[in-house]
PDB file of N, CA and C in Angstrom:
ATOM      1  N   UNK A   1       0.670  -1.143  -0.021  1.00  0.00           N
ATOM      2  CA  UNK A   1      -0.134   0.120  -0.115  1.00  0.00           C
ATOM      3  C   UNK A   1       1.086   1.362  -0.224  1.00  0.00           C
ATOM      4  N   UNK A   2       1.710   1.181   0.891  1.00  0.00           N
ATOM      5  CA  UNK A   2       2.415   2.376   0.867  1.00  0.00           C
ATOM      6  C   UNK A   2       3.686   2.615  -0.598  1.00  0.00           C
ATOM      7  N   UNK A   3       3.824   1.309  -0.838  1.00  0.00           N
ATOM      8  CA  UNK A   3       4.094   1.921  -2.484  1.00  0.00           C
ATOM      9  C   UNK A   3       3.358   2.385  -3.345  1.00  0.00           C
ATOM     10  N   UNK A   4       2.058   1.818  -3.391  1.00  0.00           N
ATOM     11  CA  UNK A   4       1.325   2.813  -4.354  1.00  0.00           C
ATOM     12  C   UNK A   4       1.062   4.134  -4.110  1.00  0.00           C
ATOM     13  N   UNK A   5       0.905   4.409  -2.893  1.00  0.00           N
ATOM     14  CA  UNK A   5       0.526   5.855  -2.488  1.00  0.00           C
ATOM     15  C   UNK A   5       2.129   6.797  -2.851  1.00  0.00           C
ATOM     16  N   UNK A   6       3.348   6.453  -2.782  1.00  0.00           N
ATOM     17  CA  UNK A   6       4.484   6.614  -3.036  1.00  0.00           C
ATOM     18  C   UNK A   6       5.283   6.888  -4.547  1.00  0.00           C
ATOM     19  N   UNK A   7       3.915   6.083  -5.079  1.00  0.00           N
ATOM     20  CA  UNK A   7       4.156   5.838  -6.266  1.00  0.00           C
ATOM     21  C   UNK A   7       3.533   6.814  -7.228  1.00  0.00           C
ATOM     22  N   UNK A   8       2.245   6.915  -6.436  1.00  0.00           N
ATOM     23  CA  UNK A   8       1.259   7.711  -6.675  1.00  0.00           C
ATOM     24  C   UNK A   8       1.707   9.434  -6.549  1.00  0.00           C
ATOM     25  N   UNK A   9       2.148   9.719  -5.700  1.00  0.00           N
ATOM     26  CA  UNK A   9       2.895  11.092  -5.139  1.00  0.00           C
ATOM     27  C   UNK A   9       3.833  10.958  -5.965  1.00  0.00           C
ATOM     28  N   UNK A  10       4.588  10.536  -6.382  1.00  0.00           N
ATOM     29  CA  UNK A  10       5.610  10.266  -7.128  1.00  0.00           C
ATOM     30  C   UNK A  10       5.076  10.791  -8.671  1.00  0.00           C
ATOM     31  N   UNK A  11       4.138  10.679  -9.236  1.00  0.00           N
ATOM     32  CA  UNK A  11       3.728  10.723  -9.796  1.00  0.00           C
ATOM     33  C   UNK A  11       2.967  12.337 -10.282  1.00  0.00           C
ATOM     34  N   UNK A  12       2.669  12.968  -9.105  1.00  0.00           N
ATOM     35  CA  UNK A  12       1.807  13.831  -9.425  1.00  0.00           C
ATOM     36  C   UNK A  12       3.165  14.842  -9.519  1.00  0.00           C
ATOM     37  N   UNK A  13       4.522  14.526  -8.576  1.00  0.00           N
ATOM     38  CA  UNK A  13       5.593  15.270  -9.263  1.00  0.00           C
ATOM     39  C   UNK A  13       6.261  15.559 -10.010  1.00  0.00           C
ATOM     40  N   UNK A  14       6.108  14.178 -11.173  1.00  0.00           N
ATOM     41  CA  UNK A  14       6.668  14.127 -12.298  1.00  0.00           C
ATOM     42  C   UNK A  14       6.264  14.820 -13.069  1.00  0.00           C
ATOM     43  N   UNK A  15       4.767  15.006 -12.819  1.00  0.00           N
ATOM     44  CA  UNK A  15       3.410  15.936 -13.877  1.00  0.00           C
ATOM     45  C   UNK A  15       4.364  17.859 -13.407  1.00  0.00           C
ATOM     46  N   UNK A  16       4.290  17.721 -12.414  1.00  0.00           N
ATOM     47  CA  UNK A  16       4.719  18.801 -11.784  1.00  0.00           C
ATOM     48  C   UNK A  16       6.007  19.400 -12.375  1.00  0.00           C
ATOM     49  N   UNK A  17       6.631  18.800 -12.118  1.00  0.00           N
ATOM     50  CA  UNK A  17       8.061  18.920 -12.752  1.00  0.00           C
ATOM     51  C   UNK A  17       8.371  19.348 -14.270  1.00  0.00           C
ATOM     52  N   UNK A  18       7.329  18.195 -14.963  1.00  0.00           N
ATOM     53  CA  UNK A  18       7.455  18.493 -16.198  1.00  0.00           C
ATOM     54  C   UNK A  18       6.893  19.844 -17.251  1.00  0.00           C
ATOM     55  N   UNK A  19       5.584  20.354 -16.126  1.00  0.00           N
ATOM     56  CA  UNK A  19       5.065  21.316 -16.199  1.00  0.00           C
ATOM     57  C   UNK A  19       5.247  22.389 -16.181  1.00  0.00           C
ATOM     58  N   UNK A  20       6.609  22.850 -16.174  1.00  0.00           N
ATOM     59  CA  UNK A  20       7.122  23.579 -15.064  1.00  0.00           C
ATOM     60  C   UNK A  20       8.343  24.152 -15.884  1.00  0.00           C
ATOM     61  N   UNK A  21       9.318  23.049 -15.860  1.00  0.00           N
ATOM     62  CA  UNK A  21      10.357  23.129 -16.990  1.00  0.00           C
ATOM     63  C   UNK A  21      10.690  22.713 -18.478  1.00  0.00           C
ATOM     64  N   UNK A  22      11.518  23.439 -19.067  1.00  0.00           N
ATOM     65  CA  UNK A  22      11.713  23.307 -20.157  1.00  0.00           C
ATOM     66  C   UNK A  22      10.655  24.110 -21.360  1.00  0.00           C
ATOM     67  N   UNK A  23      11.124  23.745 -22.471  1.00  0.00           N
ATOM     68  CA  UNK A  23      10.283  24.055 -23.787  1.00  0.00           C
ATOM     69  C   UNK A  23       9.092  23.278 -23.940  1.00  0.00           C
ATOM     70  N   UNK A  24       8.152  23.916 -24.296  1.00  0.00           N
ATOM     71  CA  UNK A  24       6.767  23.053 -24.753  1.00  0.00           C
ATOM     72  C   UNK A  24       6.151  22.372 -23.400  1.00  0.00           C
ATOM     73  N   UNK A  25       6.146  22.824 -22.201  1.00  0.00           N
ATOM     74  CA  UNK A  25       5.929  22.251 -21.316  1.00  0.00           C
ATOM     75  C   UNK A  25       4.780  22.507 -20.280  1.00  0.00           C
ATOM     76  N   UNK A  26       4.459  23.871 -20.743  1.00  0.00           N
ATOM     77  CA  UNK A  26       3.011  24.562 -20.686  1.00  0.00           C
ATOM     78  C   UNK A  26       2.156  24.962 -21.613  1.00  0.00           C
ATOM     79  N   UNK A  27       0.640  24.139 -21.481  1.00  0.00           N
ATOM     80  CA  UNK A  27       0.241  23.637 -20.545  1.00  0.00           C
ATOM     81  C   UNK A  27       0.572  21.935 -20.678  1.00  0.00           C
ATOM     82  N   UNK A  28       0.534  21.231 -19.423  1.00  0.00           N
ATOM     83  CA  UNK A  28       0.993  19.844 -19.417  1.00  0.00           C
ATOM     84  C   UNK A  28       0.260  19.025 -20.421  1.00  0.00           C
ATOM     85  N   UNK A  29       1.470  18.105 -20.252  1.00  0.00           N
ATOM     86  CA  UNK A  29       1.270  17.058 -21.746  1.00  0.00           C
ATOM     87  C   UNK A  29      -0.120  16.318 -21.263  1.00  0.00           C
ATOM     88  N   UNK A  30      -0.572  16.309 -20.152  1.00  0.00           N
ATOM     89  CA  UNK A  30      -1.244  15.005 -19.623  1.00  0.00           C
ATOM     90  C   UNK A  30      -2.583  16.197 -19.921  1.00  0.00           C
ATOM     91  N   UNK A  31      -2.498  17.259 -19.882  1.00  0.00           N
ATOM     92  CA  UNK A  31      -3.785  18.059 -20.116  1.00  0.00           C
ATOM     93  C   UNK A  31      -4.127  18.186 -21.437  1.00  0.00           C
ATOM     94  N   UNK A  32      -2.916  18.484 -22.010  1.00  0.00           N
ATOM     95  CA  UNK A  32      -3.090  18.492 -23.916  1.00  0.00           C
ATOM     96  C   UNK A  32      -3.482  17.384 -24.616  1.00  0.00           C
ATOM     97  N   UNK A  33      -3.458  16.211 -24.123  1.00  0.00           N
ATOM     98  CA  UNK A  33      -4.201  14.850 -24.230  1.00  0.00           C
ATOM     99  C   UNK A  33      -5.637  14.955 -24.362  1.00  0.00           C
ATOM    100  N   UNK A  34      -6.078  15.840 -23.265  1.00  0.00           N
ATOM    101  CA  UNK A  34      -7.554  15.485 -22.962  1.00  0.00           C
ATOM    102  C   UNK A  34      -8.123  16.476 -23.303  1.00  0.00           C
ATOM    103  N   UNK A  35      -7.676  18.005 -23.577  1.00  0.00           N
ATOM    104  CA  UNK A  35      -8.758  18.576 -23.516  1.00  0.00           C
ATOM    105  C   UNK A  35      -7.946  19.820 -24.561  1.00  0.00           C
ATOM    106  N   UNK A  36      -8.720  20.510 -25.872  1.00  0.00           N
ATOM    107  CA  UNK A  36      -8.186  21.470 -26.748  1.00  0.00           C
ATOM    108  C   UNK A  36      -7.181  22.520 -26.213  1.00  0.00           C
ATOM    109  N   UNK A  37      -6.271  22.526 -26.969  1.00  0.00           N
ATOM    110  CA  UNK A  37      -5.381  23.476 -26.514  1.00  0.00           C
ATOM    111  C   UNK A  37      -5.583  25.045 -26.068  1.00  0.00           C
ATOM    112  N   UNK A  38      -6.731  25.519 -26.921  1.00  0.00           N
ATOM    113  CA  UNK A  38      -7.214  26.847 -27.180  1.00  0.00           C
ATOM    114  C   UNK A  38      -8.024  27.242 -25.575  1.00  0.00           C
ATOM    115  N   UNK A  39      -8.379  25.991 -25.085  1.00  0.00           N
ATOM    116  CA  UNK A  39      -9.459  26.313 -23.783  1.00  0.00           C
ATOM    117  C   UNK A  39      -8.707  26.237 -22.591  1.00  0.00           C
ATOM    118  N   UNK A  40      -6.815  25.499 -22.566  1.00  0.00           N
ATOM    119  CA  UNK A  40      -5.956  25.306 -21.197  1.00  0.00           C
ATOM    120  C   UNK A  40      -5.377  26.966 -21.107  1.00  0.00           C
ATOM    121  N   UNK A  41      -5.664  26.969 -19.765  1.00  0.00           N
ATOM    122  CA  UNK A  41      -5.509  28.086 -19.322  1.00  0.00           C
ATOM    123  C   UNK A  41      -3.971  27.422 -18.242  1.00  0.00           C
ATOM    124  N   UNK A  42      -3.795  26.187 -17.581  1.00  0.00           N
ATOM    125  CA  UNK A  42      -2.638  26.115 -17.091  1.00  0.00           C
ATOM    126  C   UNK A  42      -3.048  24.545 -16.066  1.00  0.00           C
ATOM    127  N   UNK A  43      -2.429  24.466 -14.833  1.00  0.00           N
ATOM    128  CA  UNK A  43      -2.918  23.337 -14.059  1.00  0.00           C
ATOM    129  C   UNK A  43      -2.436  23.548 -12.496  1.00  0.00           C
ATOM    130  N   UNK A  44      -3.239  22.726 -11.613  1.00  0.00           N
ATOM    131  CA  UNK A  44      -2.796  22.732 -10.521  1.00  0.00           C
ATOM    132  C   UNK A  44      -2.611  21.422 -10.036  1.00  0.00           C
ATOM    133  N   UNK A  45      -1.906  21.226  -8.903  1.00  0.00           N
ATOM    134  CA  UNK A  45      -1.513  20.369  -8.106  1.00  0.00           C
ATOM    135  C   UNK A  45      -1.645  20.154  -6.460  1.00  0.00           C
ATOM    136  N   UNK A  46      -1.616  19.062  -6.151  1.00  0.00           N
ATOM    137  CA  UNK A  46      -2.197  18.871  -4.590  1.00  0.00           C
ATOM    138  C   UNK A  46      -1.505  17.655  -4.111  1.00  0.00           C
ATOM    139  N   UNK A  47      -1.078  17.817  -3.114  1.00  0.00           N
ATOM    140  CA  UNK A  47      -0.851  16.126  -2.557  1.00  0.00           C
ATOM    141  C   UNK A  47      -1.349  15.148  -1.447  1.00  0.00           C
ATOM    142  N   UNK A  48      -2.500  16.319  -0.995  1.00  0.00           N
ATOM    143  CA  UNK A  48      -3.283  16.257  -0.123  1.00  0.00           C
ATOM    144  C   UNK A  48      -4.452  16.517  -0.655  1.00  0.00           C
ATOM    145  N   UNK A  49      -5.569  15.886  -1.133  1.00  0.00           N
ATOM    146  CA  UNK A  49      -5.437  15.179  -1.431  1.00  0.00           C
ATOM    147  C   UNK A  49      -4.727  14.866  -3.058  1.00  0.00           C
ATOM    148  N   UNK A  50      -3.959  13.582  -3.335  1.00  0.00           N
ATOM    149  CA  UNK A  50      -3.313  13.817  -4.453  1.00  0.00           C
ATOM    150  C   UNK A  50      -4.387  14.257  -5.571  1.00  0.00           C
ATOM    151  N   UNK A  51      -3.547  14.938  -6.632  1.00  0.00           N
ATOM    152  CA  UNK A  51      -4.272  15.543  -7.472  1.00  0.00           C
ATOM    153  C   UNK A  51      -3.320  16.334  -8.304  1.00  0.00           C
ATOM    154  N   UNK A  52      -4.156  16.407 -10.025  1.00  0.00           N
ATOM    155  CA  UNK A  52      -3.202  17.207 -10.958  1.00  0.00           C
ATOM    156  C   UNK A  52      -4.095  17.396 -12.038  1.00  0.00           C
ATOM    157  N   UNK A  53      -5.033  18.600 -11.826  1.00  0.00           N
ATOM    158  CA  UNK A  53      -6.085  19.002 -12.326  1.00  0.00           C
ATOM    159  C   UNK A  53      -5.340  20.436 -13.780  1.00  0.00           C
ATOM    160  N   UNK A  54      -6.489  19.960 -14.636  1.00  0.00           N
ATOM    161  CA  UNK A  54      -6.373  21.076 -15.993  1.00  0.00           C
ATOM    162  C   UNK A  54      -7.238  21.946 -15.620  1.00  0.00           C
ATOM    163  N   UNK A  55      -6.526  23.224 -15.752  1.00  0.00           N
ATOM    164  CA  UNK A  55      -7.561  24.293 -15.479  1.00  0.00           C
ATOM    165  C   UNK A  55      -7.797  25.114 -17.316  1.00  0.00           C
ATOM    166  N   UNK A  56      -9.310  25.034 -17.183  1.00  0.00           N
ATOM    167  CA  UNK A  56      -9.625  25.589 -18.802  1.00  0.00           C
ATOM    168  C   UNK A  56      -9.985  27.317 -18.709  1.00  0.00           C
ATOM    169  N   UNK A  57     -10.280  28.150 -19.830  1.00  0.00           N
ATOM    170  CA  UNK A  57     -10.037  29.672 -19.725  1.00  0.00           C
ATOM    171  C   UNK A  57     -11.296  29.640 -19.096  1.00  0.00           C
ATOM    172  N   UNK A  58     -12.444  29.095 -18.914  1.00  0.00           N
ATOM    173  CA  UNK A  58     -13.758  29.155 -17.848  1.00  0.00           C
ATOM    174  C   UNK A  58     -13.183  29.581 -16.433  1.00  0.00           C
ATOM    175  N   UNK A  59     -12.563  28.778 -16.089  1.00  0.00           N
ATOM    176  CA  UNK A  59     -12.245  28.546 -14.726  1.00  0.00           C
ATOM    177  C   UNK A  59     -12.088  27.194 -13.751  1.00  0.00           C
ATOM    178  N   UNK A  60     -12.683  26.706 -14.554  1.00  0.00           N
ATOM    179  CA  UNK A  60     -12.871  25.079 -14.213  1.00  0.00           C
ATOM    180  C   UNK A  60     -11.771  24.091 -14.131  1.00  0.00           C
ATOM    181  N   UNK A  61     -11.688  23.034 -13.379  1.00  0.00           N
ATOM    182  CA  UNK A  61     -10.666  22.873 -13.210  1.00  0.00           C
ATOM    183  C   UNK A  61     -10.840  21.246 -13.573  1.00  0.00           C
ATOM    184  N   UNK A  62     -10.743  20.302 -14.189  1.00  0.00           N
ATOM    185  CA  UNK A  62     -11.029  18.690 -14.447  1.00  0.00           C
ATOM    186  C   UNK A  62      -9.438  18.208 -14.472  1.00  0.00           C
ATOM    187  N   UNK A  63      -9.713  16.899 -13.657  1.00  0.00           N
ATOM    188  CA  UNK A  63      -8.985  15.818 -13.399  1.00  0.00           C
ATOM    189  C   UNK A  63      -8.185  15.343 -14.243  1.00  0.00           C
ATOM    190  N   UNK A  64      -6.730  15.277 -14.323  1.00  0.00           N
ATOM    191  CA  UNK A  64      -6.014  15.046 -15.566  1.00  0.00           C
ATOM    192  C   UNK A  64      -5.805  13.319 -15.685  1.00  0.00           C
ATOM    193  N   UNK A  65      -6.494  12.628 -14.633  1.00  0.00           N
ATOM    194  CA  UNK A  65      -6.021  11.116 -14.379  1.00  0.00           C
ATOM    195  C   UNK A  65      -7.179  10.609 -13.947  1.00  0.00           C
ATOM    196  N   UNK A  66      -7.964   9.645 -14.312  1.00  0.00           N
ATOM    197  CA  UNK A  66      -8.564   9.315 -13.174  1.00  0.00           C
ATOM    198  C   UNK A  66      -8.221   8.191 -12.038  1.00  0.00           C
ATOM    199  N   UNK A  67      -7.421   7.898 -12.108  1.00  0.00           N
ATOM    200  CA  UNK A  67      -6.091   7.013 -11.029  1.00  0.00           C
ATOM    201  C   UNK A  67      -6.389   7.748  -9.520  1.00  0.00           C
ATOM    202  N   UNK A  68      -6.165   9.030  -9.580  1.00  0.00           N
ATOM    203  CA  UNK A  68      -5.981   9.428  -8.299  1.00  0.00           C
ATOM    204  C   UNK A  68      -7.064   9.487  -7.490  1.00  0.00           C
ATOM    205  N   UNK A  69      -8.683   9.537  -8.296  1.00  0.00           N
ATOM    206  CA  UNK A  69      -9.778   9.451  -7.043  1.00  0.00           C
ATOM    207  C   UNK A  69      -9.634   8.677  -6.799  1.00  0.00           C
ATOM    208  N   UNK A  70      -9.582   7.234  -7.518  1.00  0.00           N
ATOM    209  CA  UNK A  70      -9.753   6.063  -6.837  1.00  0.00           C
ATOM    210  C   UNK A  70      -8.433   5.488  -5.551  1.00  0.00           C
ATOM    211  N   UNK A  71      -7.392   6.098  -5.876  1.00  0.00           N
ATOM    212  CA  UNK A  71      -6.177   6.004  -5.007  1.00  0.00           C
ATOM    213  C   UNK A  71      -6.752   6.691  -3.832  1.00  0.00           C
ATOM    214  N   UNK A  72      -7.044   8.005  -4.112  1.00  0.00           N
ATOM    215  CA  UNK A  72      -7.913   8.571  -2.758  1.00  0.00           C
ATOM    216  C   UNK A  72      -8.539   8.071  -2.246  1.00  0.00           C
ATOM    217  N   UNK A  73      -9.837   7.695  -2.207  1.00  0.00           N
ATOM    218  CA  UNK A  73     -11.022   6.902  -1.701  1.00  0.00           C
ATOM    219  C   UNK A  73     -10.087   5.737  -1.190  1.00  0.00           C
ATOM    220  N   UNK A  74      -9.402   4.754  -1.442  1.00  0.00           N
ATOM    221  CA  UNK A  74      -8.556   3.713  -1.031  1.00  0.00           C
ATOM    222  C   UNK A  74      -7.529   4.174   0.181  1.00  0.00           C
ATOM    223  N   UNK A  75      -7.116   5.387  -0.049  1.00  0.00           N
ATOM    224  CA  UNK A  75      -6.377   5.728   1.339  1.00  0.00           C
ATOM    225  C   UNK A  75      -7.303   6.000   2.486  1.00  0.00           C
ATOM    226  N   UNK A  76      -8.600   6.528   2.226  1.00  0.00           N
ATOM    227  CA  UNK A  76      -9.032   6.996   2.870  1.00  0.00           C
ATOM    228  C   UNK A  76      -9.776   6.051   3.803  1.00  0.00           C
ATOM    229  N   UNK A  77     -10.213   4.840   2.793  1.00  0.00           N
ATOM    230  CA  UNK A  77     -11.098   3.752   3.703  1.00  0.00           C
ATOM    231  C   UNK A  77      -9.571   2.732   4.284  1.00  0.00           C
ATOM    232  N   UNK A  78      -9.158   2.537   4.111  1.00  0.00           N
ATOM    233  CA  UNK A  78      -7.479   2.270   4.677  1.00  0.00           C
ATOM    234  C   UNK A  78      -7.435   2.907   6.095  1.00  0.00           C
ATOM    235  N   UNK A  79      -7.456   4.137   6.065  1.00  0.00           N
ATOM    236  CA  UNK A  79      -6.878   5.225   7.203  1.00  0.00           C
ATOM    237  C   UNK A  79      -8.432   4.948   8.187  1.00  0.00           C
ATOM    238  N   UNK A  80      -9.550   4.452   7.669  1.00  0.00           N
ATOM    239  CA  UNK A  80     -10.584   5.082   8.658  1.00  0.00           C
ATOM    240  C   UNK A  80     -10.362   3.363   9.010  1.00  0.00           C
ATOM    241  N   UNK A  81     -10.293   2.280   8.536  1.00  0.00           N
ATOM    242  CA  UNK A  81     -10.048   0.595   8.702  1.00  0.00           C
ATOM    243  C   UNK A  81      -8.860   0.443   9.853  1.00  0.00           C
ATOM    244  N   UNK A  82      -8.194   1.632   9.753  1.00  0.00           N
ATOM    245  CA  UNK A  82      -6.488   1.283  11.071  1.00  0.00           C
ATOM    246  C   UNK A  82      -7.237   2.279  12.355  1.00  0.00           C
ATOM    247  N   UNK A  83      -8.418   2.926  12.115  1.00  0.00           N
ATOM    248  CA  UNK A  83      -8.444   3.668  13.321  1.00  0.00           C
ATOM    249  C   UNK A  83      -9.222   2.984  13.837  1.00  0.00           C
ATOM    250  N   UNK A  84     -10.396   2.179  13.423  1.00  0.00           N
ATOM    251  CA  UNK A  84     -11.190   1.525  13.725  1.00  0.00           C
ATOM    252  C   UNK A  84     -10.497   0.017  14.437  1.00  0.00           C
ATOM    253  N   UNK A  85      -9.689  -0.147  13.594  1.00  0.00           N
ATOM    254  CA  UNK A  85      -8.826  -1.593  14.288  1.00  0.00           C
ATOM    255  C   UNK A  85      -8.025  -1.035  15.526  1.00  0.00           C
ATOM    256  N   UNK A  86      -7.645   0.200  15.869  1.00  0.00           N
ATOM    257  CA  UNK A  86      -6.647   0.798  17.227  1.00  0.00           C
ATOM    258  C   UNK A  86      -8.197   0.741  18.020  1.00  0.00           C
ATOM    259  N   UNK A  87      -9.086   1.362  17.647  1.00  0.00           N
ATOM    260  CA  UNK A  87     -10.111   1.084  18.521  1.00  0.00           C
ATOM    261  C   UNK A  87     -10.303   0.124  19.150  1.00  0.00           C
ATOM    262  N   UNK A  88     -10.614  -1.380  18.356  1.00  0.00           N
ATOM    263  CA  UNK A  88     -11.148  -2.057  19.085  1.00  0.00           C
ATOM    264  C   UNK A  88     -10.103  -2.692  19.424  1.00  0.00           C
ATOM    265  N   UNK A  89      -8.583  -2.974  19.183  1.00  0.00           N
ATOM    266  CA  UNK A  89      -7.469  -3.122  19.784  1.00  0.00           C
ATOM    267  C   UNK A  89      -7.495  -2.839  21.602  1.00  0.00           C
ATOM    268  N   UNK A  90      -7.407  -1.233  21.435  1.00  0.00           N
ATOM    269  CA  UNK A  90      -7.851  -0.924  22.946  1.00  0.00           C
ATOM    270  C   UNK A  90      -8.904  -1.362  23.673  1.00  0.00           C
ATOM    271  N   UNK A  91      -9.892  -1.563  22.643  1.00  0.00           N
ATOM    272  CA  UNK A  91     -10.996  -1.916  23.618  1.00  0.00           C
ATOM    273  C   UNK A  91     -11.355  -3.363  24.059  1.00  0.00           C
ATOM    274  N   UNK A  92     -10.728  -4.134  23.463  1.00  0.00           N
ATOM    275  CA  UNK A  92     -11.192  -5.484  23.355  1.00  0.00           C
ATOM    276  C   UNK A  92      -9.698  -5.955  23.900  1.00  0.00           C
ATOM    277  N   UNK A  93      -8.470  -5.583  24.115  1.00  0.00           N
ATOM    278  CA  UNK A  93      -7.068  -5.706  24.108  1.00  0.00           C
ATOM    279  C   UNK A  93      -6.862  -6.033  25.655  1.00  0.00           C
ATOM    280  N   UNK A  94      -7.774  -5.385  26.516  1.00  0.00           N
ATOM    281  CA  UNK A  94      -7.301  -5.108  28.122  1.00  0.00           C
ATOM    282  C   UNK A  94      -7.869  -6.410  28.215  1.00  0.00           C
ATOM    283  N   UNK A  95      -7.017  -7.482  29.127  1.00  0.00           N
ATOM    284  CA  UNK A  95      -7.468  -8.772  29.273  1.00  0.00           C
ATOM    285  C   UNK A  95      -7.924  -8.078  30.997  1.00  0.00           C
ATOM    286  N   UNK A  96      -9.598  -8.633  31.314  1.00  0.00           N
ATOM    287  CA  UNK A  96      -9.812  -8.149  32.845  1.00  0.00           C
ATOM    288  C   UNK A  96      -9.033  -8.949  33.776  1.00  0.00           C
ATOM    289  N   UNK A  97      -8.854  -8.399  34.780  1.00  0.00           N
ATOM    290  CA  UNK A  97      -7.988  -8.787  35.980  1.00  0.00           C
ATOM    291  C   UNK A  97      -8.992  -9.357  37.178  1.00  0.00           C
ATOM    292  N   UNK A  98      -8.603 -10.094  37.579  1.00  0.00           N
ATOM    293  CA  UNK A  98      -9.658 -11.011  38.805  1.00  0.00           C
ATOM    294  C   UNK A  98      -9.106 -10.177  39.880  1.00  0.00           C
ATOM    295  N   UNK A  99     -10.510  -9.987  40.452  1.00  0.00           N
ATOM    296  CA  UNK A  99     -10.430  -9.215  41.656  1.00  0.00           C
ATOM    297  C   UNK A  99     -10.157  -9.885  42.904  1.00  0.00           C
ATOM    298  N   UNK A 100      -9.208  -9.633  43.531  1.00  0.00           N
ATOM    299  CA  UNK A 100      -8.760 -10.030  44.849  1.00  0.00           C
ATOM    300  C   UNK A 100      -9.347  -9.245  45.965  1.00  0.00           C
ATOM    301  N   UNK A 101     -10.044 -10.481  46.824  1.00  0.00           N
ATOM    302  CA  UNK A 101     -10.574 -10.320  47.669  1.00  0.00           C
ATOM    303  C   UNK A 101     -10.125 -10.505  49.197  1.00  0.00           C
ATOM    304  N   UNK A 102     -10.440 -10.120  50.537  1.00  0.00           N
ATOM    305  CA  UNK A 102      -9.587 -10.291  52.200  1.00  0.00           C
ATOM    306  C   UNK A 102      -9.438 -11.209  52.287  1.00  0.00           C
ATOM    307  N   UNK A 103     -10.640 -12.158  51.671  1.00  0.00           N
ATOM    308  CA  UNK A 103     -10.951 -13.682  52.191  1.00  0.00           C
ATOM    309  C   UNK A 103     -10.376 -14.377  51.563  1.00  0.00           C
ATOM    310  N   UNK A 104      -9.371 -14.969  50.497  1.00  0.00           N
ATOM    311  CA  UNK A 104      -8.878 -15.449  49.619  1.00  0.00           C
ATOM    312  C   UNK A 104      -7.543 -15.496  50.310  1.00  0.00           C
ATOM    313  N   UNK A 105      -7.087 -14.518  51.036  1.00  0.00           N
ATOM    314  CA  UNK A 105      -5.752 -14.481  51.229  1.00  0.00           C
ATOM    315  C   UNK A 105      -5.684 -15.373  52.639  1.00  0.00           C
ATOM    316  N   UNK A 106      -6.764 -15.626  53.221  1.00  0.00           N
ATOM    317  CA  UNK A 106      -6.779 -16.887  54.486  1.00  0.00           C
ATOM    318  C   UNK A 106      -6.886 -17.942  54.445  1.00  0.00           C
ATOM    319  N   UNK A 107      -7.817 -18.181  53.001  1.00  0.00           N
ATOM    320  CA  UNK A 107      -7.727 -19.559  52.893  1.00  0.00           C
ATOM    321  C   UNK A 107      -6.941 -19.954  51.829  1.00  0.00           C
ATOM    322  N   UNK A 108      -6.034 -19.245  51.554  1.00  0.00           N
ATOM    323  CA  UNK A 108      -4.060 -19.966  51.497  1.00  0.00           C
ATOM    324  C   UNK A 108      -3.842 -20.331  52.618  1.00  0.00           C
ATOM    325  N   UNK A 109      -3.938 -19.361  53.531  1.00  0.00           N
ATOM    326  CA  UNK A 109      -2.563 -19.842  54.863  1.00  0.00           C
ATOM    327  C   UNK A 109      -2.969 -21.329  55.486  1.00  0.00           C
ATOM    328  N   UNK A 110      -1.919 -21.636  55.943  1.00  0.00           N
ATOM    329  CA  UNK A 110      -2.003 -23.132  56.312  1.00  0.00           C
ATOM    330  C   UNK A 110      -2.552 -23.373  57.953  1.00  0.00           C
ATOM    331  N   UNK A 111      -3.093 -22.026  58.251  1.00  0.00           N
ATOM    332  CA  UNK A 111      -3.944 -22.369  59.231  1.00  0.00           C
ATOM    333  C   UNK A 111      -3.208 -22.464  60.848  1.00  0.00           C
ATOM    334  N   UNK A 112      -1.497 -22.689  60.826  1.00  0.00           N
ATOM    335  CA  UNK A 112      -0.627 -22.724  62.185  1.00  0.00           C
ATOM    336  C   UNK A 112      -0.589 -20.795  62.487  1.00  0.00           C
ATOM    337  N   UNK A 113      -1.189 -20.280  62.131  1.00  0.00           N
ATOM    338  CA  UNK A 113      -1.044 -18.804  62.865  1.00  0.00           C
ATOM    339  C   UNK A 113      -1.262 -18.660  64.305  1.00  0.00           C
TER     340      UNK A 113
END
């Protein structure tokens, strides 16, 4: 799981790097593949949630890849599962200690006091 998140975050970083360096870098190639060039004005990125969006001339943003939406959902589900498991471990993992009464000590003595 960690490898998937790291590779997806690396994909966002690579898209940001490619779209900000070199000739013919803006708009990003990911955006040029999906939208007409005369409507593209830029791109935005985010690491939380993972996202690389294309910005159109009307101000709307559209995801450059549908993969980011499912990986964000997977991260949220796994985080929730981790929290629930932690809470369950805290509540169910504590063993119940037997109560010791004062009379129990007398029964164990040999009676020679």
